Amino acid sequence: MAASKKAESGQVAPASKDRSNKKAVNESELLTVPDGWKEPAFTREDNPRGLLEESSFATLFPKYREAYLKECWPLVQKALNEHHVNATLDLIEGSITVTTTKKTFDPYVIIRARDLIKLLARSVPFEQAVRILQDDTACDIIKVGSLVRNRERFIKRRQRLIGPKGSTLKALELLTNCYIMVQGNTVSALGPFNGLKEVRKVVLDTMKNIHPIYNIKTLMIKRELSKDPELRTQSWERFLPQFKHKNLNKRKEPKKKNVKKEYTPFPPPQPESQVDKELASGEYFLKESQKKRKRVEEIKAKQAEAINRRQEERNKAFIPPKEKLVVKPKKASTETKIDIEAIKEKVKKAKKKKLGALPVEEVKLKIAAGEKKKKKKK
């Protein structure tokens, strides 16, 4: 009674507040998966009585795959026997069959065995395909053959997914932690569920003529953002690049432009008829024979013009190009002879000259000689 009275009065007990806070905390914890958490393995104790009925799956494989399957078949049987699943290889029909036994306790292992034989048939090596039997690994076989109509275009886009020397495919494998095998009209992927989702998106976008490098760049940014614990709860759209579709059409303007004429209230003039044209030129009054002769003359004149034009074009190849004027080198004039004896004397005088300042006596003699010369001139 007291509790009901408190509720009616609007008072809330402190215990109810604590419960609401606990619920909010629990819900937020449920949204995030703790790091390092792993789902417990399915054991015989979970299903001690086994399966009620036998299940089986079969798949066909191509002829070129027969030699490899015969070689690795003992390893396939050994891997499946650990999970109590039988496998049979029929080389005559070209098929592989997997069936459950009385000892099989995991109901999902037959689905994993079915995926294993599918991957082996799609040219995936046994070392990679056997990973499908693990709990944290899944596979996805993407059919790309029917996505592009033109066969040549399909081959180009498939090669674009592989990249030069398999570099694009290797980058995609590192970013998604998946093994990818491109074979024929299908792309087989093997790895965690998040990685398979990204691989499917990239493959389908590549077939839609979107280059895989754009998706690879986005995946690289997402990988760096996931390392920051603060950004896990936030939206990443502001960090991701926005790639705009480019219009590859070279001709942006139309060939024929419709130019609107100025509006006039008057109708356009009536076009001249053939009779009006003949009357204006005076051809209307000519006889039929004269008209015919005139037409023949016009045709002959046009033919003569065409022949002359053709002949000029042919003669262009025979017209020699203009040659540059060759300037002859001028010969050295024999009038100015070099006096070798005078040069020799100059060289002898230069050798006799002493370097450095002249002595005082020589300077006085030179000054005296200079004064004598001046007196003689006077």
Protein backbone atom coordinates (compact mmCIF):
# COMPACT_ATOMS: atom_id res chain seq x y z
CA MET A 1 0.00 0.00 0.00
CA ALA A 2 2.82 2.36 0.93
CA ALA A 3 4.62 1.66 -2.35
CA SER A 4 1.44 2.34 -4.35
CA LYS A 5 0.92 5.63 -2.50
CA LYS A 6 4.51 6.67 -3.28
CA ALA A 7 3.98 5.84 -6.96
CA GLU A 8 0.75 7.87 -7.03
CA SER A 9 2.47 10.83 -5.39
CA GLY A 10 5.15 10.81 -8.12
CA GLN A 11 8.04 9.70 -5.89
CA VAL A 12 10.40 7.04 -7.38
CA ALA A 13 12.38 4.65 -5.19
CA PRO A 14 16.19 4.80 -5.50
CA ALA A 15 16.31 1.04 -6.24
CA SER A 16 14.32 1.54 -9.48
CA LYS A 17 16.85 4.23 -10.61
CA ASP A 18 19.72 1.80 -10.14
CA ARG A 19 17.91 -0.84 -12.19
CA SER A 20 17.36 1.55 -15.15
CA ASN A 21 21.06 2.56 -15.08
CA LYS A 22 22.12 -1.08 -15.03
CA LYS A 23 19.87 -1.87 -18.00
CA ALA A 24 21.37 1.01 -20.01
CA VAL A 25 24.89 -0.15 -19.21
CA ASN A 26 24.10 -3.74 -20.12
CA GLU A 27 22.57 -2.76 -23.47
CA SER A 28 25.63 -0.68 -24.44
CA GLU A 29 27.91 -3.59 -23.53
CA LEU A 30 25.87 -5.96 -25.70
CA LEU A 31 26.37 -3.73 -28.77
CA THR A 32 30.16 -4.18 -28.79
CA VAL A 33 31.97 -7.52 -29.02
CA PRO A 34 34.90 -7.74 -26.61
CA ASP A 35 38.38 -8.05 -28.12
CA GLY A 36 39.67 -11.61 -28.30
CA TRP A 37 36.21 -13.16 -27.78
CA LYS A 38 35.66 -16.42 -29.63
CA GLU A 39 32.56 -18.58 -29.95
CA PRO A 40 32.98 -21.93 -28.13
CA ALA A 41 33.45 -24.95 -30.39
CA PHE A 42 30.57 -27.39 -31.02
CA THR A 43 31.41 -30.69 -29.29
CA ARG A 44 29.81 -34.15 -28.97
CA GLU A 45 28.45 -33.18 -25.57
CA ASP A 46 26.21 -30.59 -27.28
CA ASN A 47 24.64 -33.33 -29.47
CA PRO A 48 25.37 -36.76 -27.92
CA ARG A 49 22.74 -38.69 -29.94
CA GLY A 50 23.94 -37.60 -33.37
CA LEU A 51 21.81 -36.94 -36.48
CA LEU A 52 18.54 -38.66 -37.31
CA GLU A 53 18.96 -38.94 -41.10
CA GLU A 54 21.76 -38.99 -43.64
CA SER A 55 22.51 -35.84 -45.67
CA SER A 56 24.60 -35.68 -48.84
CA PHE A 57 25.80 -33.15 -51.43
CA ALA A 58 27.46 -33.69 -54.81
CA THR A 59 29.23 -31.38 -57.26
CA LEU A 60 30.78 -31.79 -60.71
CA PHE A 61 34.37 -30.79 -61.53
CA PRO A 62 36.05 -30.02 -64.89
CA LYS A 63 38.33 -32.50 -66.68
CA TYR A 64 41.53 -30.44 -66.13
CA ARG A 65 40.98 -30.67 -62.34
CA GLU A 66 41.01 -34.51 -62.32
CA ALA A 67 44.79 -34.96 -61.96
CA TYR A 68 45.05 -32.60 -58.96
CA LEU A 69 42.06 -34.15 -57.17
CA LYS A 70 43.50 -37.68 -57.57
CA GLU A 71 46.77 -36.46 -56.06
CA CYS A 72 45.26 -34.70 -52.98
CA TRP A 73 42.26 -37.02 -52.43
CA PRO A 74 43.78 -38.94 -49.45
CA LEU A 75 44.28 -35.60 -47.63
CA VAL A 76 40.65 -34.58 -48.35
CA GLN A 77 39.34 -37.89 -46.93
CA LYS A 78 41.56 -37.56 -43.84
CA ALA A 79 40.33 -33.99 -43.14
CA LEU A 80 36.66 -34.99 -43.53
CA ASN A 81 37.01 -38.20 -41.50
CA GLU A 82 38.05 -36.11 -38.50
CA HIS A 83 34.55 -34.59 -38.63
CA HIS A 84 32.95 -38.03 -39.37
CA VAL A 85 31.99 -37.20 -42.99
CA ASN A 86 32.50 -39.62 -45.92
CA ALA A 87 33.74 -38.39 -49.30
CA THR A 88 33.73 -40.25 -52.65
CA LEU A 89 35.45 -39.28 -55.91
CA ASP A 90 33.83 -40.52 -59.14
CA LEU A 91 36.25 -40.02 -62.05
CA ILE A 92 33.89 -41.59 -64.62
CA GLU A 93 31.03 -39.12 -64.02
CA GLY A 94 33.42 -36.35 -62.88
CA SER A 95 31.75 -35.69 -59.52
CA ILE A 96 32.54 -35.48 -55.78
CA THR A 97 30.01 -36.55 -53.12
CA VAL A 98 30.03 -35.93 -49.35
CA THR A 99 27.68 -37.73 -46.91
CA THR A 100 27.13 -37.76 -43.15
CA THR A 101 27.59 -40.93 -41.04
CA LYS A 102 26.12 -42.28 -37.80
CA LYS A 103 29.02 -40.79 -35.85
CA THR A 104 28.45 -37.25 -37.19
CA PHE A 105 27.31 -35.00 -34.34
CA ASP A 106 27.72 -31.48 -35.84
CA PRO A 107 24.69 -30.73 -38.07
CA TYR A 108 26.48 -27.85 -39.88
CA VAL A 109 29.61 -29.76 -40.83
CA ILE A 110 27.93 -31.19 -43.96
CA ILE A 111 27.39 -27.61 -45.23
CA ARG A 112 31.11 -26.92 -44.68
CA ALA A 113 31.98 -30.19 -46.50
CA ARG A 114 29.75 -29.09 -49.42
CA ASP A 115 31.64 -25.75 -49.59
CA LEU A 116 34.95 -27.64 -49.48
CA ILE A 117 34.18 -29.74 -52.56
CA LYS A 118 32.83 -26.66 -54.37
CA LEU A 119 36.09 -24.79 -53.74
CA LEU A 120 38.18 -27.77 -54.88
CA ALA A 121 36.15 -27.90 -58.11
CA ARG A 122 36.77 -24.15 -58.65
CA SER A 123 40.62 -24.58 -58.73
CA VAL A 124 41.22 -23.54 -55.09
CA PRO A 125 44.24 -25.48 -53.70
CA PHE A 126 43.55 -27.98 -50.90
CA GLU A 127 45.76 -26.11 -48.37
CA GLN A 128 43.39 -23.10 -48.61
CA ALA A 129 40.10 -24.96 -49.15
CA VAL A 130 40.51 -27.09 -45.98
CA ARG A 131 40.28 -23.90 -43.88
CA ILE A 132 36.51 -23.86 -44.53
CA LEU A 133 36.11 -26.61 -41.90
CA GLN A 134 37.09 -24.07 -39.20
CA ASP A 135 34.32 -22.23 -37.33
CA ASP A 136 35.55 -18.65 -38.00
CA THR A 137 35.97 -19.14 -41.79
CA ALA A 138 33.36 -18.94 -44.55
CA CYS A 139 33.41 -18.88 -48.35
CA ASP A 140 31.66 -17.03 -51.15
CA ILE A 141 31.59 -18.05 -54.82
CA ILE A 142 30.68 -14.98 -56.92
CA LYS A 143 29.38 -15.63 -60.44
CA VAL A 144 30.65 -12.81 -62.68
CA GLY A 145 30.27 -14.36 -66.14
CA SER A 146 26.72 -13.07 -66.69
CA LEU A 147 27.34 -9.51 -65.37
CA VAL A 148 28.98 -8.20 -68.59
CA ARG A 149 27.48 -8.99 -72.01
CA ASN A 150 30.52 -8.30 -74.19
CA ARG A 151 33.11 -11.08 -73.77
CA GLU A 152 36.15 -8.88 -74.56
CA ARG A 153 34.98 -6.25 -72.07
CA PHE A 154 34.45 -8.96 -69.43
CA ILE A 155 38.02 -10.28 -69.90
CA LYS A 156 39.46 -6.75 -69.56
CA ARG A 157 37.54 -6.08 -66.33
CA ARG A 158 38.47 -9.47 -64.89
CA GLN A 159 42.14 -8.72 -65.65
CA ARG A 160 41.72 -5.31 -64.00
CA LEU A 161 40.61 -7.13 -60.81
CA ILE A 162 43.77 -9.27 -60.88
CA GLY A 163 46.06 -6.31 -61.70
CA PRO A 164 49.60 -6.29 -63.13
CA LYS A 165 51.33 -9.48 -61.88
CA GLY A 166 48.44 -10.03 -59.42
CA SER A 167 49.25 -6.88 -57.39
CA THR A 168 45.62 -5.64 -57.09
CA LEU A 169 44.40 -9.06 -55.96
CA LYS A 170 47.23 -9.31 -53.42
CA ALA A 171 46.37 -5.88 -51.97
CA LEU A 172 42.72 -6.91 -51.67
CA GLU A 173 43.72 -10.14 -49.90
CA LEU A 174 45.85 -8.24 -47.36
CA LEU A 175 43.10 -5.70 -46.59
CA THR A 176 40.25 -8.23 -46.24
CA ASN A 177 42.23 -11.19 -44.75
CA CYS A 178 40.65 -13.41 -47.43
CA TYR A 179 42.04 -15.81 -50.03
CA ILE A 180 40.70 -14.89 -53.50
CA MET A 181 40.84 -17.11 -56.58
CA VAL A 182 39.74 -15.78 -60.00
CA GLN A 183 38.99 -18.69 -62.33
CA GLY A 184 36.85 -18.64 -65.47
CA ASN A 185 33.43 -17.10 -64.84
CA THR A 186 33.62 -17.20 -61.02
CA VAL A 187 35.56 -15.56 -58.17
CA SER A 188 36.06 -17.78 -55.11
CA ALA A 189 36.75 -16.07 -51.77
CA LEU A 190 37.63 -17.70 -48.45
CA GLY A 191 37.97 -15.91 -45.10
CA PRO A 192 36.07 -14.07 -42.33
CA PHE A 193 32.52 -12.82 -42.88
CA ASN A 194 33.40 -9.09 -42.84
CA GLY A 195 36.16 -9.65 -45.40
CA LEU A 196 33.86 -11.65 -47.71
CA LYS A 197 31.34 -8.80 -47.68
CA GLU A 198 34.02 -6.34 -48.84
CA VAL A 199 35.36 -8.75 -51.49
CA ARG A 200 31.89 -9.20 -53.01
CA LYS A 201 31.41 -5.41 -53.16
CA VAL A 202 34.78 -4.83 -54.86
CA VAL A 203 34.23 -7.64 -57.41
CA LEU A 204 30.74 -6.45 -58.37
CA ASP A 205 31.90 -2.82 -58.64
CA THR A 206 34.79 -3.88 -60.90
CA MET A 207 32.33 -5.62 -63.21
CA LYS A 208 30.29 -2.37 -63.24
CA ASN A 209 33.38 -0.55 -64.60
CA ILE A 210 34.46 0.98 -61.24
CA HIS A 211 38.21 0.57 -60.82
CA PRO A 212 39.18 -1.55 -57.74
CA ILE A 213 41.78 1.03 -56.65
CA TYR A 214 38.97 3.29 -55.35
CA ASN A 215 37.61 0.55 -53.08
CA ILE A 216 41.12 -0.42 -51.99
CA LYS A 217 41.79 3.19 -50.94
CA THR A 218 38.55 3.24 -48.90
CA LEU A 219 39.45 -0.07 -47.22
CA MET A 220 42.89 1.27 -46.26
CA ILE A 221 41.32 4.32 -44.58
CA LYS A 222 38.76 2.13 -42.75
CA ARG A 223 41.55 -0.12 -41.51
CA GLU A 224 43.39 2.85 -39.97
CA LEU A 225 40.19 4.28 -38.44
CA SER A 226 39.27 0.96 -36.79
CA LYS A 227 42.50 1.10 -34.75
CA ASP A 228 41.25 4.22 -32.89
CA PRO A 229 38.84 3.15 -30.06
CA GLU A 230 37.24 6.63 -29.90
CA LEU A 231 36.18 6.57 -33.57
CA ARG A 232 34.48 3.15 -33.39
CA THR A 233 31.15 4.63 -32.29
CA GLN A 234 31.30 7.60 -34.72
CA SER A 235 30.37 7.92 -38.38
CA TRP A 236 33.31 7.58 -40.80
CA GLU A 237 31.74 9.30 -43.79
CA ARG A 238 33.70 12.52 -43.24
CA PHE A 239 37.01 10.60 -43.50
CA LEU A 240 36.15 8.43 -46.53
CA PRO A 241 36.94 9.84 -50.01
CA GLN A 242 34.04 10.82 -52.27
CA PHE A 243 34.86 9.75 -55.85
CA LYS A 244 32.90 11.57 -58.52
CA HIS A 245 31.96 9.88 -61.78
CA LYS A 246 33.79 11.51 -64.68
CA ASN A 247 32.08 11.99 -68.02
CA LEU A 248 34.44 10.43 -70.55
CA ASN A 249 32.57 11.77 -73.58
CA LYS A 250 35.01 14.00 -75.52
CA ARG A 251 32.36 15.89 -77.48
CA LYS A 252 30.48 17.95 -74.90
CA GLU A 253 28.64 20.18 -77.37
CA PRO A 254 26.18 18.79 -79.96
CA LYS A 255 27.15 18.73 -83.60
CA LYS A 256 24.01 20.55 -84.77
CA LYS A 257 23.10 23.65 -82.82
CA ASN A 258 19.56 24.94 -83.25
CA VAL A 259 19.87 28.72 -83.24
CA LYS A 260 16.58 30.46 -82.64
CA LYS A 261 15.79 33.19 -85.15
CA GLU A 262 14.38 36.55 -84.16
CA TYR A 263 10.61 36.67 -84.12
CA THR A 264 8.98 38.62 -86.96
CA PRO A 265 5.25 39.02 -87.47
CA PHE A 266 5.62 38.77 -91.26
CA PRO A 267 5.70 35.39 -92.99
CA PRO A 268 8.87 34.33 -94.84
CA PRO A 269 9.03 35.10 -98.60
CA GLN A 270 7.78 32.37 -100.90
CA PRO A 271 10.68 30.37 -102.42
CA GLU A 272 11.23 30.68 -106.17
CA SER A 273 10.02 27.82 -108.32
CA GLN A 274 12.09 26.17 -111.06
CA VAL A 275 10.15 28.12 -113.74
CA ASP A 276 10.92 31.45 -112.00
CA LYS A 277 14.64 30.56 -111.92
CA GLU A 278 14.62 29.66 -115.63
CA LEU A 279 12.81 32.89 -116.51
CA ALA A 280 15.38 34.94 -114.56
CA SER A 281 18.33 33.25 -116.32
CA GLY A 282 16.61 33.24 -119.74
CA GLU A 283 16.85 29.48 -120.04
CA TYR A 284 13.06 29.19 -120.23
CA PHE A 285 12.98 30.61 -123.78
CA LEU A 286 15.65 28.24 -125.15
CA LYS A 287 14.80 25.23 -127.27
CA GLU A 288 15.11 21.69 -125.88
CA SER A 289 18.21 20.96 -127.97
CA GLN A 290 19.87 24.15 -126.73
CA LYS A 291 19.04 23.27 -123.10
CA LYS A 292 20.52 19.82 -123.59
CA ARG A 293 23.70 21.25 -125.17
CA LYS A 294 24.07 23.70 -122.27
CA ARG A 295 23.75 20.89 -119.70
CA VAL A 296 26.39 18.82 -121.53
CA GLU A 297 28.76 21.81 -121.62
CA GLU A 298 28.33 22.37 -117.85
CA ILE A 299 29.07 18.70 -117.14
CA LYS A 300 32.18 18.82 -119.35
CA ALA A 301 33.39 22.01 -117.61
CA LYS A 302 33.00 20.34 -114.17
CA GLN A 303 34.84 17.25 -115.42
CA ALA A 304 37.71 19.38 -116.78
CA GLU A 305 38.02 21.21 -113.42
CA ALA A 306 38.10 17.91 -111.54
CA ILE A 307 40.80 16.51 -113.90
CA ASN A 308 42.94 19.64 -113.49
CA ARG A 309 42.61 19.50 -109.68
CA ARG A 310 43.59 15.80 -109.64
CA GLN A 311 46.55 16.45 -111.94
CA GLU A 312 47.81 19.28 -109.71
CA GLU A 313 47.67 17.01 -106.64
CA ARG A 314 49.67 14.33 -108.50
CA ASN A 315 52.25 16.85 -109.71
CA LYS A 316 52.88 18.08 -106.13
CA ALA A 317 55.06 15.01 -105.51
CA PHE A 318 57.32 15.96 -108.47
CA ILE A 319 57.87 19.63 -107.54
CA PRO A 320 61.40 19.94 -106.10
CA PRO A 321 61.75 21.75 -102.77
CA LYS A 322 63.43 25.14 -102.59
CA GLU A 323 67.15 24.78 -102.01
CA LYS A 324 69.02 27.02 -99.59
CA LEU A 325 71.69 29.34 -101.08
CA VAL A 326 75.17 28.03 -100.40
CA VAL A 327 77.54 30.84 -99.28
CA LYS A 328 81.08 30.26 -100.58
CA PRO A 329 83.87 30.86 -98.03
CA LYS A 330 86.02 33.89 -98.82
CA LYS A 331 89.63 33.20 -99.68
CA ALA A 332 92.34 34.85 -97.59
CA SER A 333 93.75 37.89 -99.36
CA THR A 334 97.39 37.50 -100.45
CA GLU A 335 97.97 41.28 -100.46
CA THR A 336 98.63 41.60 -96.71
CA LYS A 337 101.76 39.53 -96.16
CA ILE A 338 103.02 38.84 -92.66
CA ASP A 339 106.50 40.19 -91.88
CA ILE A 340 108.08 37.30 -89.99
CA GLU A 341 111.45 39.04 -89.45
CA ALA A 342 109.81 41.99 -87.65
CA ILE A 343 107.96 39.61 -85.33
CA LYS A 344 111.18 37.76 -84.49
CA GLU A 345 112.91 41.02 -83.53
CA LYS A 346 110.00 41.99 -81.24
CA VAL A 347 110.20 38.63 -79.49
CA LYS A 348 114.02 39.08 -78.95
CA LYS A 349 113.51 42.56 -77.45
CA ALA A 350 110.77 41.24 -75.15
CA LYS A 351 113.10 38.49 -73.87
CA LYS A 352 115.86 41.05 -73.12
CA LYS A 353 113.52 43.22 -71.06
CA LYS A 354 113.81 42.73 -67.33
CA LEU A 355 110.74 42.33 -65.17
CA GLY A 356 110.06 44.69 -62.26
CA ALA A 357 110.92 48.41 -61.73
CA LEU A 358 113.86 50.00 -63.68
CA PRO A 359 116.95 51.11 -61.80
CA VAL A 360 117.40 54.85 -60.97
CA GLU A 361 120.26 55.44 -63.47
CA GLU A 362 118.27 54.03 -66.42
CA VAL A 363 115.33 56.22 -65.48
CA LYS A 364 117.53 59.37 -65.44
CA LEU A 365 119.04 58.48 -68.86
CA LYS A 366 115.59 58.03 -70.38
CA ILE A 367 114.38 61.37 -69.03
CA ALA A 368 117.48 63.09 -70.45
CA ALA A 369 117.01 61.46 -73.86
CA GLY A 370 113.38 62.59 -73.86
CA GLU A 371 114.34 66.20 -73.13
CA LYS A 372 116.93 66.20 -75.96
CA LYS A 373 114.33 65.03 -78.45
CA LYS A 374 111.96 67.83 -77.40
CA LYS A 375 114.72 70.45 -77.88
CA LYS A 376 115.56 69.15 -81.39
CA LYS A 377 111.87 69.36 -82.44
CA LYS A 378 111.71 73.00 -81.26
